Amino acid sequence: MFRNILTRASAFGRVASSQQSRNLACCSIYVKGLPLDITEEKLRPHVEKFGPIYEIHLPKVKTNDIYSMAFVKLYTGEIPPTIEEVAKLPDPSMVEVNELNKRSAEAIAYLNNLNIDGSSVTASIARKNQLDTIQFNARFVLRKSNDPEFARRHDERRQAIRGSNSESKDYRAGYADGFKDGLSSVNKSNGSE
């Protein structure tokens, strides 16, 4: 009798997990040692085989840099079409987290010591990896647009941290645009735009 109860409970657990709604999880991979002339188009084929990509960010190369780097955001789950719907999503479940961890580990193993245009590449998980980074950014962008006082205080803090140079202003101004660009690139790749 006890065995039947356990069997039914585990079967119920499998059915419940298979019917669970797909939350959104995101993982940032740090890739370094890339050639200076690397573009998103050259890097994308190497990483998109490990699942959908939210964005590939290639920071500006400084004059004395020998190699370039990139941040690749892989995601799992469904991305809703509007920023408001993304902001309302719940945090990712363990199903999504485990799936994403497996895919990101495979991507890192593949990228490590990969040769791209004569450069040996290394990869790792980004230091400040947030599994709900897409939802967090959506909530942040909405809060800044709906709360001018919050936006002013945030801009003042950023200015105090980074100084008042033009690069920090470009960074703050481009934050919302970067989120929208990521969302539009996902929509284009899904064919919904």
Protein backbone atom coordinates (compact mmCIF):
# COMPACT_ATOMS: atom_id res chain seq x y z
CA MET A 1 0.00 0.00 0.00
CA PHE A 2 2.75 2.44 0.97
CA ARG A 3 4.57 1.58 -2.26
CA ASN A 4 1.44 2.40 -4.34
CA ILE A 5 1.15 5.80 -2.67
CA LEU A 6 4.79 6.60 -3.50
CA THR A 7 4.35 5.43 -7.10
CA ARG A 8 1.25 7.61 -7.55
CA ALA A 9 2.97 10.60 -5.92
CA SER A 10 6.03 10.35 -8.20
CA ALA A 11 3.79 9.95 -11.28
CA PHE A 12 1.83 13.03 -10.22
CA GLY A 13 5.12 14.94 -9.82
CA ARG A 14 6.24 14.02 -13.34
CA VAL A 15 2.91 15.08 -14.84
CA ALA A 16 2.90 18.35 -12.88
CA SER A 17 6.45 19.23 -13.94
CA SER A 18 5.71 18.44 -17.60
CA GLN A 19 2.64 20.71 -17.53
CA GLN A 20 4.43 23.53 -15.69
CA SER A 21 4.34 26.87 -17.45
CA ARG A 22 7.63 27.84 -19.02
CA ASN A 23 9.20 30.71 -17.09
CA LEU A 24 12.06 32.72 -18.49
CA ALA A 25 15.67 32.20 -17.39
CA CYS A 26 18.77 33.90 -18.77
CA CYS A 27 22.48 33.12 -18.43
CA SER A 28 25.39 35.41 -19.36
CA ILE A 29 28.55 33.83 -20.73
CA TYR A 30 31.77 35.84 -20.80
CA VAL A 31 33.89 35.11 -23.87
CA LYS A 32 37.42 36.53 -24.10
CA GLY A 33 40.37 36.21 -26.43
CA LEU A 34 38.30 37.08 -29.50
CA PRO A 35 39.95 38.76 -32.49
CA LEU A 36 39.68 42.58 -32.54
CA ASP A 37 37.57 42.55 -35.71
CA ILE A 38 34.97 40.13 -34.31
CA THR A 39 31.35 40.90 -35.13
CA GLU A 40 28.09 39.50 -33.85
CA GLU A 41 27.59 37.74 -37.18
CA LYS A 42 30.92 35.89 -36.81
CA LEU A 43 30.30 34.86 -33.19
CA ARG A 44 26.59 33.96 -33.40
CA PRO A 45 26.96 30.64 -35.32
CA HIS A 46 29.30 29.30 -32.63
CA VAL A 47 26.84 29.90 -29.76
CA GLU A 48 23.35 29.64 -31.22
CA LYS A 49 23.64 25.85 -31.49
CA PHE A 50 23.24 25.81 -27.67
CA GLY A 51 19.84 27.48 -27.71
CA PRO A 52 18.21 30.82 -28.31
CA ILE A 53 20.26 33.97 -27.75
CA TYR A 54 18.78 37.08 -26.18
CA GLU A 55 21.74 39.31 -27.05
CA ILE A 56 25.43 39.38 -27.86
CA HIS A 57 27.18 42.42 -26.41
CA LEU A 58 30.59 43.36 -27.79
CA PRO A 59 32.12 46.13 -25.64
CA LYS A 60 34.13 48.82 -27.39
CA VAL A 61 37.73 47.85 -28.04
CA LYS A 62 40.24 50.23 -26.44
CA THR A 63 43.32 51.39 -28.33
CA ASN A 64 45.83 49.19 -26.48
CA ASP A 65 43.70 46.02 -26.36
CA ILE A 66 45.16 42.90 -27.95
CA TYR A 67 41.93 40.88 -27.97
CA SER A 68 38.20 41.60 -27.85
CA MET A 69 35.56 40.13 -25.54
CA ALA A 70 31.83 39.47 -25.62
CA PHE A 71 28.91 38.77 -23.32
CA VAL A 72 26.45 36.25 -24.72
CA LYS A 73 23.03 35.89 -23.09
CA LEU A 74 21.40 32.50 -23.62
CA TYR A 75 17.82 32.06 -22.46
CA THR A 76 15.24 29.36 -21.97
CA GLY A 77 11.46 29.68 -21.80
CA GLU A 78 9.20 32.08 -23.65
CA ILE A 79 9.75 35.83 -24.07
CA PRO A 80 6.44 37.70 -24.24
CA PRO A 81 6.05 40.33 -26.99
CA THR A 82 5.87 43.40 -24.72
CA ILE A 83 8.11 44.78 -22.01
CA GLU A 84 5.15 44.98 -19.59
CA GLU A 85 4.46 41.25 -19.93
CA VAL A 86 8.17 40.45 -19.47
CA ALA A 87 8.22 42.51 -16.25
CA LYS A 88 5.25 40.53 -14.84
CA LEU A 89 6.87 37.12 -15.37
CA PRO A 90 7.64 35.10 -12.23
CA ASP A 91 11.19 34.14 -11.34
CA PRO A 92 12.52 31.08 -13.20
CA SER A 93 11.77 27.67 -11.74
CA MET A 94 14.35 24.95 -11.08
CA VAL A 95 13.33 23.23 -14.34
CA GLU A 96 14.42 26.25 -16.38
CA VAL A 97 17.49 26.89 -14.23
CA ASN A 98 18.73 23.30 -14.60
CA GLU A 99 18.09 23.29 -18.35
CA LEU A 100 19.94 26.57 -18.76
CA ASN A 101 22.85 25.47 -16.56
CA LYS A 102 23.26 22.37 -18.72
CA ARG A 103 23.20 24.33 -21.98
CA SER A 104 25.56 27.04 -20.74
CA ALA A 105 28.04 24.40 -19.49
CA GLU A 106 27.95 22.77 -22.94
CA ALA A 107 28.48 26.17 -24.62
CA ILE A 108 31.43 26.99 -22.34
CA ALA A 109 33.03 23.59 -22.95
CA TYR A 110 32.68 24.09 -26.71
CA LEU A 111 33.96 27.69 -26.69
CA ASN A 112 37.01 27.01 -24.51
CA ASN A 113 40.07 26.76 -26.73
CA LEU A 114 37.97 27.27 -29.88
CA ASN A 115 39.99 28.96 -32.61
CA ILE A 116 38.22 31.91 -34.26
CA ASP A 117 40.23 33.69 -36.97
CA GLY A 118 43.53 32.63 -35.38
CA SER A 119 42.58 33.56 -31.79
CA SER A 120 42.20 30.96 -29.05
CA VAL A 121 38.97 31.76 -27.19
CA THR A 122 38.12 31.08 -23.53
CA ALA A 123 34.69 31.27 -21.93
CA SER A 124 33.15 31.26 -18.47
CA ILE A 125 29.98 32.24 -16.66
CA ALA A 126 29.82 36.02 -16.26
CA ARG A 127 30.80 37.05 -12.73
CA LYS A 128 27.45 38.61 -11.84
CA ASN A 129 25.16 36.07 -13.44
CA GLN A 130 21.47 36.72 -12.81
CA LEU A 131 19.04 34.06 -13.97
CA ASP A 132 16.19 36.58 -14.09
CA THR A 133 18.22 39.34 -15.78
CA ILE A 134 15.73 39.87 -18.63
CA GLN A 135 12.80 40.29 -16.20
CA PHE A 136 14.94 42.49 -13.91
CA ASN A 137 15.92 44.78 -16.80
CA ALA A 138 12.30 45.03 -17.94
CA ARG A 139 11.16 46.00 -14.43
CA PHE A 140 13.99 48.54 -14.19
CA VAL A 141 13.19 50.17 -17.56
CA LEU A 142 9.48 50.40 -16.68
CA ARG A 143 10.18 51.84 -13.24
CA LYS A 144 12.49 54.49 -14.72
CA SER A 145 9.88 55.46 -17.32
CA ASN A 146 6.99 55.55 -14.77
CA ASP A 147 8.81 57.16 -11.84
CA PRO A 148 10.74 60.33 -12.77
CA GLU A 149 12.04 60.75 -9.20
CA PHE A 150 13.52 57.23 -9.23
CA ALA A 151 15.07 57.92 -12.66
CA ARG A 152 16.61 61.20 -11.43
CA ARG A 153 18.08 59.58 -8.28
CA HIS A 154 19.42 56.64 -10.29
CA ASP A 155 21.04 58.96 -12.84
CA GLU A 156 22.64 61.02 -10.06
CA ARG A 157 24.06 57.88 -8.41
CA ARG A 158 25.44 56.62 -11.73
CA GLN A 159 26.94 60.02 -12.45
CA ALA A 160 28.61 60.11 -9.03
CA ILE A 161 30.03 56.59 -9.53
CA ARG A 162 31.17 57.02 -13.14
CA GLY A 163 31.84 60.75 -13.19
CA SER A 164 30.18 63.17 -15.55
CA ASN A 165 31.96 62.10 -18.74
CA SER A 166 29.98 61.57 -21.93
CA GLU A 167 30.50 57.77 -21.96
CA SER A 168 28.47 57.30 -18.76
CA LYS A 169 25.65 59.42 -20.18
CA ASP A 170 25.63 57.26 -23.33
CA TYR A 171 25.49 54.14 -21.15
CA ARG A 172 22.50 55.38 -19.15
CA ALA A 173 20.68 56.62 -22.22
CA GLY A 174 21.26 53.33 -24.03
CA TYR A 175 20.06 51.05 -21.22
CA ALA A 176 16.39 51.06 -22.26
CA ASP A 177 17.34 50.95 -25.94
CA GLY A 178 19.56 47.93 -25.30
CA PHE A 179 16.70 46.05 -23.67
CA LYS A 180 14.37 46.89 -26.56
CA ASP A 181 17.05 45.84 -29.08
CA GLY A 182 17.41 42.47 -27.34
CA LEU A 183 13.63 41.98 -27.35
CA SER A 184 13.35 42.94 -31.02
CA SER A 185 16.21 40.59 -32.00
CA VAL A 186 14.42 37.74 -30.23
CA ASN A 187 11.17 38.62 -32.01
CA LYS A 188 12.97 38.71 -35.39
CA SER A 189 14.58 35.32 -34.80
CA ASN A 190 11.20 33.87 -33.78
CA GLY A 191 9.60 35.39 -36.90
CA SER A 192 6.98 37.33 -34.92
CA GLU A 193 7.99 40.78 -36.09
